[in-house]
Amino acid sequence: MPTNRSVWQDKAGVPGTIRESPIPSKLTDGELLVKVHAWAVNPADAFLQDAPLPWMSYPLILGEDIAGTVSAVGSTASPNFKIGDRILGFALGAGTMKPEQGGFQDNVILDHTMACKIPDSLSFVDASVFPLCVATAAYGLFSRAFLAMPFPALEPKSAGKSVVVWGGSSAVGCNAIQLSKAAGLEVITTCSARNFDYVRSLGADKVFDYNSASAIDDVVAELDKGSCVGIFQAAGEVAPSCQVAHKSKQKLFVAATNHIPEGVVPEGVKARMVFESDGTVVYSETSAATFGGILAKGVGGGEV
């Protein structure tokens, strides 16, 4: 029988172990079975090898970002996907009650709402870098628990407001900039000076060098010229984003992709880590608008 190779993490702080098992054959109605052709490794994968999040249980298969071809389709997923489709997808093993469904294996079961088809012109390698980055940016920007921005569209209407993306040249940050522009917001972002042209090419309206001694004050002065929906901390330390919120005349929420250490959130500022979860799939609120919406249309049309 054909076998499936998977990288199992038996506990935090030990090397993963490759084990073989039968290829999964039982799908729920909303699931896809994907033969993986490319995996992407992101900082979260490295972090989770040594430092588990509170809701995680071992053993499990790590890995989120994959691209490959569909080899089986559940009944609910069948109107949107068929066997042979080339797709990218976000594997959810580490954050759910199904730790065997992580991405680092030859054949992966995906929730069909966390996948989208890709054109032949996009390689599996290039497609594999999207899932976690776009899912994280979308959840921090659009979820009602975070910045609650309007959902993105290929032809957005101006929201008349701005958003701050701290760390705009990072993998998550560059997705956040494009999603924010697609939601009709003005984007104020930070990065190093060498990446100014890059983030502007993605749609950033105002760019500041986070290495500057005046970066926090400069960002505050810019966002307080109008109405700002909040701050999305995409990369780096959380403290600067919290200081921007503290110094602003507006009460700005900080949606953070990194852990928020004790003592960095000033009094009167609210900040929350995007990955906080009680074991449920945190991305479900925004997946239809991203994987089933702007990402699918943008990738298919070559616009992202």
C-alpha atoms as a PDB file:
ATOM      1  CA  MET A   1       0.000   0.000   0.000  1.00  0.00           C
ATOM      2  CA  PRO A   2       1.165   3.579  -0.644  1.00  0.00           C
ATOM      3  CA  THR A   3       2.441   5.191   2.539  1.00  0.00           C
ATOM      4  CA  ASN A   4       2.349   8.692   3.924  1.00  0.00           C
ATOM      5  CA  ARG A   5       5.450  10.210   5.530  1.00  0.00           C
ATOM      6  CA  SER A   6       4.849  12.681   8.357  1.00  0.00           C
ATOM      7  CA  VAL A   7       7.150  14.658  10.663  1.00  0.00           C
ATOM      8  CA  TRP A   8       5.898  14.078  14.212  1.00  0.00           C
ATOM      9  CA  GLN A   9       6.869  16.365  17.087  1.00  0.00           C
ATOM     10  CA  ASP A  10       6.525  14.155  20.174  1.00  0.00           C
ATOM     11  CA  LYS A  11       7.124  17.009  22.612  1.00  0.00           C
ATOM     12  CA  ALA A  12       8.598  20.489  22.680  1.00  0.00           C
ATOM     13  CA  GLY A  13      12.366  20.765  22.581  1.00  0.00           C
ATOM     14  CA  VAL A  14      13.124  17.478  20.810  1.00  0.00           C
ATOM     15  CA  PRO A  15      13.839  16.880  17.112  1.00  0.00           C
ATOM     16  CA  GLY A  16      10.918  15.828  14.935  1.00  0.00           C
ATOM     17  CA  THR A  17      10.724  12.218  13.759  1.00  0.00           C
ATOM     18  CA  ILE A  18       9.643  11.048  10.294  1.00  0.00           C
ATOM     19  CA  ARG A  19       7.143   8.201  10.510  1.00  0.00           C
ATOM     20  CA  GLU A  20       5.203   6.306   7.873  1.00  0.00           C
ATOM     21  CA  SER A  21       1.494   5.536   7.962  1.00  0.00           C
ATOM     22  CA  PRO A  22      -1.282   4.748   5.461  1.00  0.00           C
ATOM     23  CA  ILE A  23      -2.423   7.660   3.318  1.00  0.00           C
ATOM     24  CA  PRO A  24      -5.567   9.158   4.937  1.00  0.00           C
ATOM     25  CA  SER A  25      -8.741   7.823   3.352  1.00  0.00           C
ATOM     26  CA  LYS A  26     -11.571   9.194   5.508  1.00  0.00           C
ATOM     27  CA  LEU A  27     -12.651  12.789   4.942  1.00  0.00           C
ATOM     28  CA  THR A  28     -15.473  14.791   6.461  1.00  0.00           C
ATOM     29  CA  ASP A  29     -17.792  16.591   4.059  1.00  0.00           C
ATOM     30  CA  GLY A  30     -15.805  19.830   4.148  1.00  0.00           C
ATOM     31  CA  GLU A  31     -12.319  18.391   3.782  1.00  0.00           C
ATOM     32  CA  LEU A  32      -9.809  17.961   0.975  1.00  0.00           C
ATOM     33  CA  LEU A  33      -6.965  15.462   0.705  1.00  0.00           C
ATOM     34  CA  VAL A  34      -3.929  17.089  -0.894  1.00  0.00           C
ATOM     35  CA  LYS A  35      -0.789  15.546  -2.331  1.00  0.00           C
ATOM     36  CA  VAL A  36       1.818  18.096  -1.256  1.00  0.00           C
ATOM     37  CA  HIS A  37       4.405  19.365  -3.749  1.00  0.00           C
ATOM     38  CA  ALA A  38       5.857  22.243  -1.692  1.00  0.00           C
ATOM     39  CA  TRP A  39       6.019  23.283   1.945  1.00  0.00           C
ATOM     40  CA  ALA A  40       6.984  26.658   3.396  1.00  0.00           C
ATOM     41  CA  VAL A  41       8.684  26.933   6.797  1.00  0.00           C
ATOM     42  CA  ASN A  42       7.878  30.109   8.726  1.00  0.00           C
ATOM     43  CA  PRO A  43       9.059  31.528  12.086  1.00  0.00           C
ATOM     44  CA  ALA A  44       6.023  30.058  13.853  1.00  0.00           C
ATOM     45  CA  ASP A  45       7.138  26.562  12.853  1.00  0.00           C
ATOM     46  CA  ALA A  46      10.569  27.155  14.366  1.00  0.00           C
ATOM     47  CA  PHE A  47       9.079  28.657  17.537  1.00  0.00           C
ATOM     48  CA  LEU A  48       6.624  25.809  18.076  1.00  0.00           C
ATOM     49  CA  GLN A  49       9.374  23.194  17.993  1.00  0.00           C
ATOM     50  CA  ASP A  50      10.628  24.517  21.330  1.00  0.00           C
ATOM     51  CA  ALA A  51       7.845  26.602  22.895  1.00  0.00           C
ATOM     52  CA  PRO A  52       4.291  25.228  22.663  1.00  0.00           C
ATOM     53  CA  LEU A  53       1.250  27.469  22.845  1.00  0.00           C
ATOM     54  CA  PRO A  54      -1.125  26.803  25.793  1.00  0.00           C
ATOM     55  CA  TRP A  55      -3.808  24.978  23.786  1.00  0.00           C
ATOM     56  CA  MET A  56      -1.415  22.628  21.956  1.00  0.00           C
ATOM     57  CA  SER A  57      -1.096  18.958  22.882  1.00  0.00           C
ATOM     58  CA  TYR A  58       1.573  16.472  21.845  1.00  0.00           C
ATOM     59  CA  PRO A  59       2.378  14.461  19.805  1.00  0.00           C
ATOM     60  CA  LEU A  60       1.459  16.486  16.722  1.00  0.00           C
ATOM     61  CA  ILE A  61       2.509  17.307  13.189  1.00  0.00           C
ATOM     62  CA  LEU A  62       3.688  20.895  12.774  1.00  0.00           C
ATOM     63  CA  GLY A  63       3.568  22.933   9.575  1.00  0.00           C
ATOM     64  CA  GLU A  64       0.899  25.228   8.105  1.00  0.00           C
ATOM     65  CA  ASP A  65       1.916  26.315   4.619  1.00  0.00           C
ATOM     66  CA  ILE A  66       1.513  23.899   1.726  1.00  0.00           C
ATOM     67  CA  ALA A  67       0.789  23.741  -1.996  1.00  0.00           C
ATOM     68  CA  GLY A  68      -0.102  20.690  -4.054  1.00  0.00           C
ATOM     69  CA  THR A  69      -2.831  18.860  -5.943  1.00  0.00           C
ATOM     70  CA  VAL A  70      -6.217  17.664  -4.706  1.00  0.00           C
ATOM     71  CA  SER A  71      -6.505  13.860  -4.571  1.00  0.00           C
ATOM     72  CA  ALA A  72      -9.862  13.482  -2.762  1.00  0.00           C
ATOM     73  CA  VAL A  73     -12.807  15.802  -2.086  1.00  0.00           C
ATOM     74  CA  GLY A  74     -15.524  15.813   0.593  1.00  0.00           C
ATOM     75  CA  SER A  75     -19.108  16.395  -0.516  1.00  0.00           C
ATOM     76  CA  THR A  76     -19.386  19.951   0.868  1.00  0.00           C
ATOM     77  CA  ALA A  77     -16.113  20.931  -0.784  1.00  0.00           C
ATOM     78  CA  SER A  78     -16.946  19.392  -4.169  1.00  0.00           C
ATOM     79  CA  PRO A  79     -18.725  22.424  -5.683  1.00  0.00           C
ATOM     80  CA  ASN A  80     -15.506  24.435  -5.359  1.00  0.00           C
ATOM     81  CA  PHE A  81     -12.771  21.815  -5.798  1.00  0.00           C
ATOM     82  CA  LYS A  82     -12.184  18.675  -7.837  1.00  0.00           C
ATOM     83  CA  ILE A  83      -9.517  15.991  -8.009  1.00  0.00           C
ATOM     84  CA  GLY A  84      -6.452  17.295  -9.803  1.00  0.00           C
ATOM     85  CA  ASP A  85      -6.883  20.971  -8.855  1.00  0.00           C
ATOM     86  CA  ARG A  86      -3.658  22.811  -8.086  1.00  0.00           C
ATOM     87  CA  ILE A  87      -4.119  24.591  -4.749  1.00  0.00           C
ATOM     88  CA  LEU A  88      -2.435  26.355  -1.867  1.00  0.00           C
ATOM     89  CA  GLY A  89      -3.697  25.689   1.631  1.00  0.00           C
ATOM     90  CA  PHE A  90      -3.374  26.336   5.348  1.00  0.00           C
ATOM     91  CA  ALA A  91      -3.040  23.188   7.474  1.00  0.00           C
ATOM     92  CA  LEU A  92      -4.549  23.560  10.930  1.00  0.00           C
ATOM     93  CA  GLY A  93      -3.178  20.614  12.917  1.00  0.00           C
ATOM     94  CA  ALA A  94      -1.309  22.494  15.661  1.00  0.00           C
ATOM     95  CA  GLY A  95      -4.241  24.754  16.508  1.00  0.00           C
ATOM     96  CA  THR A  96      -7.067  22.211  16.547  1.00  0.00           C
ATOM     97  CA  MET A  97      -8.198  18.931  18.045  1.00  0.00           C
ATOM     98  CA  LYS A  98      -6.743  17.136  14.990  1.00  0.00           C
ATOM     99  CA  PRO A  99      -2.967  17.228  15.584  1.00  0.00           C
ATOM    100  CA  GLU A 100      -2.430  14.648  12.843  1.00  0.00           C
ATOM    101  CA  GLN A 101      -3.470  17.196  10.197  1.00  0.00           C
ATOM    102  CA  GLY A 102      -0.381  19.402  10.279  1.00  0.00           C
ATOM    103  CA  GLY A 103       1.345  20.356   7.053  1.00  0.00           C
ATOM    104  CA  PHE A 104       4.698  18.600   7.239  1.00  0.00           C
ATOM    105  CA  GLN A 105       3.680  15.379   5.487  1.00  0.00           C
ATOM    106  CA  ASP A 106       3.292  13.996   1.988  1.00  0.00           C
ATOM    107  CA  ASN A 107      -0.508  13.959   2.069  1.00  0.00           C
ATOM    108  CA  VAL A 108      -2.478  16.511   4.085  1.00  0.00           C
ATOM    109  CA  ILE A 109      -6.149  16.855   5.000  1.00  0.00           C
ATOM    110  CA  LEU A 110      -7.334  20.474   4.701  1.00  0.00           C
ATOM    111  CA  ASP A 111     -10.497  22.338   5.584  1.00  0.00           C
ATOM    112  CA  HIS A 112     -11.682  23.462   2.135  1.00  0.00           C
ATOM    113  CA  THR A 113     -12.344  26.998   3.423  1.00  0.00           C
ATOM    114  CA  MET A 114      -8.603  27.368   4.061  1.00  0.00           C
ATOM    115  CA  ALA A 115      -7.559  26.591   0.487  1.00  0.00           C
ATOM    116  CA  CYS A 116      -7.745  28.235  -2.917  1.00  0.00           C
ATOM    117  CA  LYS A 117      -6.955  27.170  -6.470  1.00  0.00           C
ATOM    118  CA  ILE A 118      -3.809  28.455  -8.142  1.00  0.00           C
ATOM    119  CA  PRO A 119      -3.111  28.916 -11.876  1.00  0.00           C
ATOM    120  CA  ASP A 120      -0.549  26.887 -13.815  1.00  0.00           C
ATOM    121  CA  SER A 121       1.567  30.034 -14.092  1.00  0.00           C
ATOM    122  CA  LEU A 122       2.175  30.043 -10.310  1.00  0.00           C
ATOM    123  CA  SER A 123       4.670  27.455  -9.079  1.00  0.00           C
ATOM    124  CA  PHE A 124       3.896  25.325  -6.032  1.00  0.00           C
ATOM    125  CA  VAL A 125       6.976  26.761  -4.311  1.00  0.00           C
ATOM    126  CA  ASP A 126       5.856  30.359  -4.787  1.00  0.00           C
ATOM    127  CA  ALA A 127       2.259  29.550  -3.814  1.00  0.00           C
ATOM    128  CA  SER A 128       3.258  27.836  -0.577  1.00  0.00           C
ATOM    129  CA  VAL A 129       4.385  31.089   1.071  1.00  0.00           C
ATOM    130  CA  PHE A 130       0.900  32.625   1.151  1.00  0.00           C
ATOM    131  CA  PRO A 131      -1.336  30.683   3.575  1.00  0.00           C
ATOM    132  CA  LEU A 132      -0.218  31.506   7.135  1.00  0.00           C
ATOM    133  CA  CYS A 133       0.860  35.048   6.269  1.00  0.00           C
ATOM    134  CA  VAL A 134      -2.384  36.024   4.578  1.00  0.00           C
ATOM    135  CA  ALA A 135      -4.539  34.210   7.174  1.00  0.00           C
ATOM    136  CA  THR A 136      -2.796  35.936  10.072  1.00  0.00           C
ATOM    137  CA  ALA A 137      -2.947  39.385   8.476  1.00  0.00           C
ATOM    138  CA  ALA A 138      -6.606  38.929   7.556  1.00  0.00           C
ATOM    139  CA  TYR A 139      -7.636  37.784  11.011  1.00  0.00           C
ATOM    140  CA  GLY A 140      -5.888  40.679  12.756  1.00  0.00           C
ATOM    141  CA  LEU A 141      -7.320  43.229  10.344  1.00  0.00           C
ATOM    142  CA  PHE A 142     -10.870  41.987   9.747  1.00  0.00           C
ATOM    143  CA  SER A 143     -11.964  39.916  12.749  1.00  0.00           C
ATOM    144  CA  ARG A 144     -14.453  41.596  15.076  1.00  0.00           C
ATOM    145  CA  ALA A 145     -12.168  40.654  17.982  1.00  0.00           C
ATOM    146  CA  PHE A 146      -9.349  42.772  16.523  1.00  0.00           C
ATOM    147  CA  LEU A 147      -9.436  45.762  14.114  1.00  0.00           C
ATOM    148  CA  ALA A 148     -12.825  44.883  12.528  1.00  0.00           C
ATOM    149  CA  MET A 149     -11.998  46.518   9.190  1.00  0.00           C
ATOM    150  CA  PRO A 150     -14.361  46.110   6.215  1.00  0.00           C
ATOM    151  CA  PHE A 151     -13.626  43.015   4.146  1.00  0.00           C
ATOM    152  CA  PRO A 152     -11.345  43.489   1.113  1.00  0.00           C
ATOM    153  CA  ALA A 153     -12.437  43.695  -2.519  1.00  0.00           C
ATOM    154  CA  LEU A 154     -10.652  43.913  -5.861  1.00  0.00           C
ATOM    155  CA  GLU A 155     -12.423  47.240  -6.465  1.00  0.00           C
ATOM    156  CA  PRO A 156     -12.513  48.760  -2.961  1.00  0.00           C
ATOM    157  CA  LYS A 157     -14.383  51.861  -1.858  1.00  0.00           C
ATOM    158  CA  SER A 158     -12.519  54.339   0.317  1.00  0.00           C
ATOM    159  CA  ALA A 159     -13.228  53.845   4.006  1.00  0.00           C
ATOM    160  CA  GLY A 160     -11.960  57.352   4.770  1.00  0.00           C
ATOM    161  CA  LYS A 161      -9.727  55.982   7.508  1.00  0.00           C
ATOM    162  CA  SER A 162      -6.169  54.810   8.013  1.00  0.00           C
ATOM    163  CA  VAL A 163      -4.512  51.770   9.573  1.00  0.00           C
ATOM    164  CA  VAL A 164      -0.977  51.408  10.916  1.00  0.00           C
ATOM    165  CA  VAL A 165       0.981  48.323   9.825  1.00  0.00           C
ATOM    166  CA  TRP A 166       4.123  48.111  11.941  1.00  0.00           C
ATOM    167  CA  GLY A 167       6.722  46.052  10.058  1.00  0.00           C
ATOM    168  CA  GLY A 168       5.319  46.431   6.567  1.00  0.00           C
ATOM    169  CA  SER A 169       8.166  44.722   4.679  1.00  0.00           C
ATOM    170  CA  SER A 170       7.827  41.471   6.627  1.00  0.00           C
ATOM    171  CA  ALA A 171       6.014  38.468   5.152  1.00  0.00           C
ATOM    172  CA  VAL A 172       2.881  39.162   7.211  1.00  0.00           C
ATOM    173  CA  GLY A 173       3.246  42.919   6.828  1.00  0.00           C
ATOM    174  CA  CYS A 174       3.330  42.932   3.029  1.00  0.00           C
ATOM    175  CA  ASN A 175       0.114  40.885   3.016  1.00  0.00           C
ATOM    176  CA  ALA A 176      -1.431  43.271   5.543  1.00  0.00           C
ATOM    177  CA  ILE A 177      -0.631  46.281   3.364  1.00  0.00           C
ATOM    178  CA  GLN A 178      -2.283  44.761   0.295  1.00  0.00           C
ATOM    179  CA  LEU A 179      -5.327  43.542   2.233  1.00  0.00           C
ATOM    180  CA  SER A 180      -5.746  46.953   3.862  1.00  0.00           C
ATOM    181  CA  LYS A 181      -5.614  48.737   0.518  1.00  0.00           C
ATOM    182  CA  ALA A 182      -8.173  46.252  -0.816  1.00  0.00           C
ATOM    183  CA  ALA A 183     -10.373  47.223   2.140  1.00  0.00           C
ATOM    184  CA  GLY A 184     -10.207  50.897   1.118  1.00  0.00           C
ATOM    185  CA  LEU A 185      -7.932  52.150   3.908  1.00  0.00           C
ATOM    186  CA  GLU A 186      -4.950  54.460   3.816  1.00  0.00           C
ATOM    187  CA  VAL A 187      -1.888  52.522   5.005  1.00  0.00           C
ATOM    188  CA  ILE A 188       0.714  54.013   7.316  1.00  0.00           C
ATOM    189  CA  THR A 189       3.600  51.593   7.706  1.00  0.00           C
ATOM    190  CA  THR A 190       7.119  51.202   9.055  1.00  0.00           C
ATOM    191  CA  CYS A 191      10.148  49.357   7.724  1.00  0.00           C
ATOM    192  CA  SER A 192      13.856  49.953   7.252  1.00  0.00           C
ATOM    193  CA  ALA A 193      14.802  52.678   4.781  1.00  0.00           C
ATOM    194  CA  ARG A 194      16.050  50.176   2.189  1.00  0.00           C
ATOM    195  CA  ASN A 195      12.512  48.753   1.865  1.00  0.00           C
ATOM    196  CA  PHE A 196      10.650  52.048   1.366  1.00  0.00           C
ATOM    197  CA  ASP A 197      10.206  51.548  -2.380  1.00  0.00           C
ATOM    198  CA  TYR A 198       9.066  47.952  -1.873  1.00  0.00           C
ATOM    199  CA  VAL A 199       6.248  48.745   0.564  1.00  0.00           C
ATOM    200  CA  ARG A 200       5.153  51.689  -1.570  1.00  0.00           C
ATOM    201  CA  SER A 201       4.904  49.324  -4.543  1.00  0.00           C
ATOM    202  CA  LEU A 202       2.451  47.263  -2.462  1.00  0.00           C
ATOM    203  CA  GLY A 203       0.271  50.300  -1.841  1.00  0.00           C
ATOM    204  CA  ALA A 204       1.599  51.883   1.363  1.00  0.00           C
ATOM    205  CA  ASP A 205       0.679  55.579   1.508  1.00  0.00           C
ATOM    206  CA  LYS A 206       3.005  56.811   4.264  1.00  0.00           C
ATOM    207  CA  VAL A 207       6.258  55.082   5.220  1.00  0.00           C
ATOM    208  CA  PHE A 208       8.495  55.638   8.238  1.00  0.00           C
ATOM    209  CA  ASP A 209      11.865  54.174   9.215  1.00  0.00           C
ATOM    210  CA  TYR A 210      11.377  52.216  12.435  1.00  0.00           C
ATOM    211  CA  ASN A 211      15.097  52.664  13.162  1.00  0.00           C
ATOM    212  CA  SER A 212      14.602  56.416  13.499  1.00  0.00           C
ATOM    213  CA  ALA A 213      14.638  57.832  17.032  1.00  0.00           C
ATOM    214  CA  SER A 214      11.501  59.812  16.165  1.00  0.00           C
ATOM    215  CA  ALA A 215       9.629  56.938  14.452  1.00  0.00           C
ATOM    216  CA  ILE A 216       6.927  56.586  17.113  1.00  0.00           C
ATOM    217  CA  ASP A 217       6.222  60.310  17.316  1.00  0.00           C
ATOM    218  CA  ASP A 218       6.267  60.623  13.512  1.00  0.00           C
ATOM    219  CA  VAL A 219       3.737  57.798  13.076  1.00  0.00           C
ATOM    220  CA  VAL A 220       1.495  59.283  15.782  1.00  0.00           C
ATOM    221  CA  ALA A 221       1.573  62.710  14.141  1.00  0.00           C
ATOM    222  CA  GLU A 222       0.568  61.197  10.798  1.00  0.00           C
ATOM    223  CA  LEU A 223      -2.253  58.949  12.023  1.00  0.00           C
ATOM    224  CA  ASP A 224      -3.727  61.693  14.212  1.00  0.00           C
ATOM    225  CA  LYS A 225      -4.298  63.835  11.114  1.00  0.00           C
ATOM    226  CA  GLY A 226      -7.400  61.744  10.527  1.00  0.00           C
ATOM    227  CA  SER A 227      -9.309  58.744  11.847  1.00  0.00           C
ATOM    228  CA  CYS A 228      -7.306  55.544  12.389  1.00  0.00           C
ATOM    229  CA  VAL A 229      -8.909  52.119  12.910  1.00  0.00           C
ATOM    230  CA  GLY A 230      -5.962  50.739  14.880  1.00  0.00           C
ATOM    231  CA  ILE A 231      -2.498  49.217  14.738  1.00  0.00           C
ATOM    232  CA  PHE A 232      -1.503  45.875  13.249  1.00  0.00           C
ATOM    233  CA  GLN A 233       1.894  44.808  14.601  1.00  0.00           C
ATOM    234  CA  ALA A 234       3.141  42.511  11.834  1.00  0.00           C
ATOM    235  CA  ALA A 235       6.764  42.061  12.892  1.00  0.00           C
ATOM    236  CA  GLY A 236       9.331  43.067  15.499  1.00  0.00           C
ATOM    237  CA  GLU A 237       8.776  43.920  19.135  1.00  0.00           C
ATOM    238  CA  VAL A 238       5.287  44.793  20.329  1.00  0.00           C
ATOM    239  CA  ALA A 239       6.358  47.706  22.541  1.00  0.00           C
ATOM    240  CA  PRO A 240       6.682  50.364  19.773  1.00  0.00           C
ATOM    241  CA  SER A 241       3.140  49.697  18.534  1.00  0.00           C
ATOM    242  CA  CYS A 242       1.841  50.004  22.097  1.00  0.00           C
ATOM    243  CA  GLN A 243       3.675  53.305  22.488  1.00  0.00           C
ATOM    244  CA  VAL A 244       2.069  54.611  19.294  1.00  0.00           C
ATOM    245  CA  ALA A 245      -1.347  53.695  20.694  1.00  0.00           C
ATOM    246  CA  HIS A 246      -0.496  55.322  24.026  1.00  0.00           C
ATOM    247  CA  LYS A 247       0.677  58.605  22.499  1.00  0.00           C
ATOM    248  CA  SER A 248      -2.137  58.939  19.972  1.00  0.00           C
ATOM    249  CA  LYS A 249      -5.127  61.161  20.726  1.00  0.00           C
ATOM    250  CA  GLN A 250      -7.285  58.235  19.565  1.00  0.00           C
ATOM    251  CA  LYS A 251      -7.903  55.064  21.561  1.00  0.00           C
ATOM    252  CA  LEU A 252      -6.225  52.588  19.259  1.00  0.00           C
ATOM    253  CA  PHE A 253      -6.309  48.815  19.611  1.00  0.00           C
ATOM    254  CA  VAL A 254      -3.091  46.877  18.916  1.00  0.00           C
ATOM    255  CA  ALA A 255      -3.462  43.538  17.113  1.00  0.00           C
ATOM    256  CA  ALA A 256      -0.102  41.801  17.594  1.00  0.00           C
ATOM    257  CA  THR A 257       1.392  38.842  15.750  1.00  0.00           C
ATOM    258  CA  ASN A 258       4.066  38.400  18.430  1.00  0.00           C
ATOM    259  CA  HIS A 259       3.829  37.456  22.086  1.00  0.00           C
ATOM    260  CA  ILE A 260       3.000  40.450  24.300  1.00  0.00           C
ATOM    261  CA  PRO A 261       5.425  40.486  27.261  1.00  0.00           C
ATOM    262  CA  GLU A 262       4.286  41.718  30.650  1.00  0.00           C
ATOM    263  CA  GLY A 263       4.895  45.395  31.246  1.00  0.00           C
ATOM    264  CA  VAL A 264       4.974  46.584  27.614  1.00  0.00           C
ATOM    265  CA  VAL A 265       1.322  47.651  27.375  1.00  0.00           C
ATOM    266  CA  PRO A 266       0.816  51.121  28.893  1.00  0.00           C
ATOM    267  CA  GLU A 267      -2.212  51.873  31.018  1.00  0.00           C
ATOM    268  CA  GLY A 268      -5.246  52.650  28.879  1.00  0.00           C
ATOM    269  CA  VAL A 269      -3.991  50.689  25.847  1.00  0.00           C
ATOM    270  CA  LYS A 270      -5.574  47.427  24.707  1.00  0.00           C
ATOM    271  CA  ALA A 271      -3.400  44.894  22.906  1.00  0.00           C
ATOM    272  CA  ARG A 272      -4.037  41.261  22.030  1.00  0.00           C
ATOM    273  CA  MET A 273      -2.082  38.571  20.226  1.00  0.00           C
ATOM    274  CA  VAL A 274      -3.743  37.365  17.026  1.00  0.00           C
ATOM    275  CA  PHE A 275      -2.904  33.728  17.779  1.00  0.00           C
ATOM    276  CA  GLU A 276      -4.753  33.661  21.107  1.00  0.00           C
ATOM    277  CA  SER A 277      -7.188  30.771  20.974  1.00  0.00           C
ATOM    278  CA  ASP A 278      -9.258  28.510  23.179  1.00  0.00           C
ATOM    279  CA  GLY A 279      -8.623  25.594  20.838  1.00  0.00           C
ATOM    280  CA  THR A 280     -11.110  26.645  18.167  1.00  0.00           C
ATOM    281  CA  VAL A 281     -10.118  27.508  14.611  1.00  0.00           C
ATOM    282  CA  VAL A 282      -9.476  31.220  14.994  1.00  0.00           C
ATOM    283  CA  TYR A 283      -9.374  31.957  11.270  1.00  0.00           C
ATOM    284  CA  SER A 284     -12.855  30.707  10.392  1.00  0.00           C
ATOM    285  CA  GLU A 285     -14.422  34.182  10.650  1.00  0.00           C
ATOM    286  CA  THR A 286     -12.272  35.606   7.878  1.00  0.00           C
ATOM    287  CA  SER A 287     -11.387  32.614   5.673  1.00  0.00           C
ATOM    288  CA  ALA A 288     -14.326  33.053   3.264  1.00  0.00           C
ATOM    289  CA  ALA A 289     -13.320  36.650   2.522  1.00  0.00           C
ATOM    290  CA  THR A 290      -9.658  35.753   2.052  1.00  0.00           C
ATOM    291  CA  PHE A 291      -9.102  32.201   0.763  1.00  0.00           C
ATOM    292  CA  GLY A 292     -12.534  32.127  -0.887  1.00  0.00           C
ATOM    293  CA  GLY A 293     -12.460  35.780  -1.915  1.00  0.00           C
ATOM    294  CA  ILE A 294      -9.637  38.250  -2.397  1.00  0.00           C
ATOM    295  CA  LEU A 295      -6.791  35.699  -2.406  1.00  0.00           C
ATOM    296  CA  ALA A 296      -8.485  33.334  -4.853  1.00  0.00           C
ATOM    297  CA  LYS A 297      -9.394  36.175  -7.220  1.00  0.00           C
ATOM    298  CA  GLY A 298      -6.060  37.931  -6.875  1.00  0.00           C
ATOM    299  CA  VAL A 299      -3.930  34.823  -7.369  1.00  0.00           C
ATOM    300  CA  GLY A 300      -6.087  33.652 -10.233  1.00  0.00           C
ATOM    301  CA  GLY A 301      -5.855  37.028 -11.938  1.00  0.00           C
ATOM    302  CA  GLY A 302      -2.182  37.559 -11.193  1.00  0.00           C
ATOM    303  CA  GLU A 303      -2.930  40.608  -9.057  1.00  0.00           C
ATOM    304  CA  VAL A 304      -1.146  39.485  -5.846  1.00  0.00           C
END
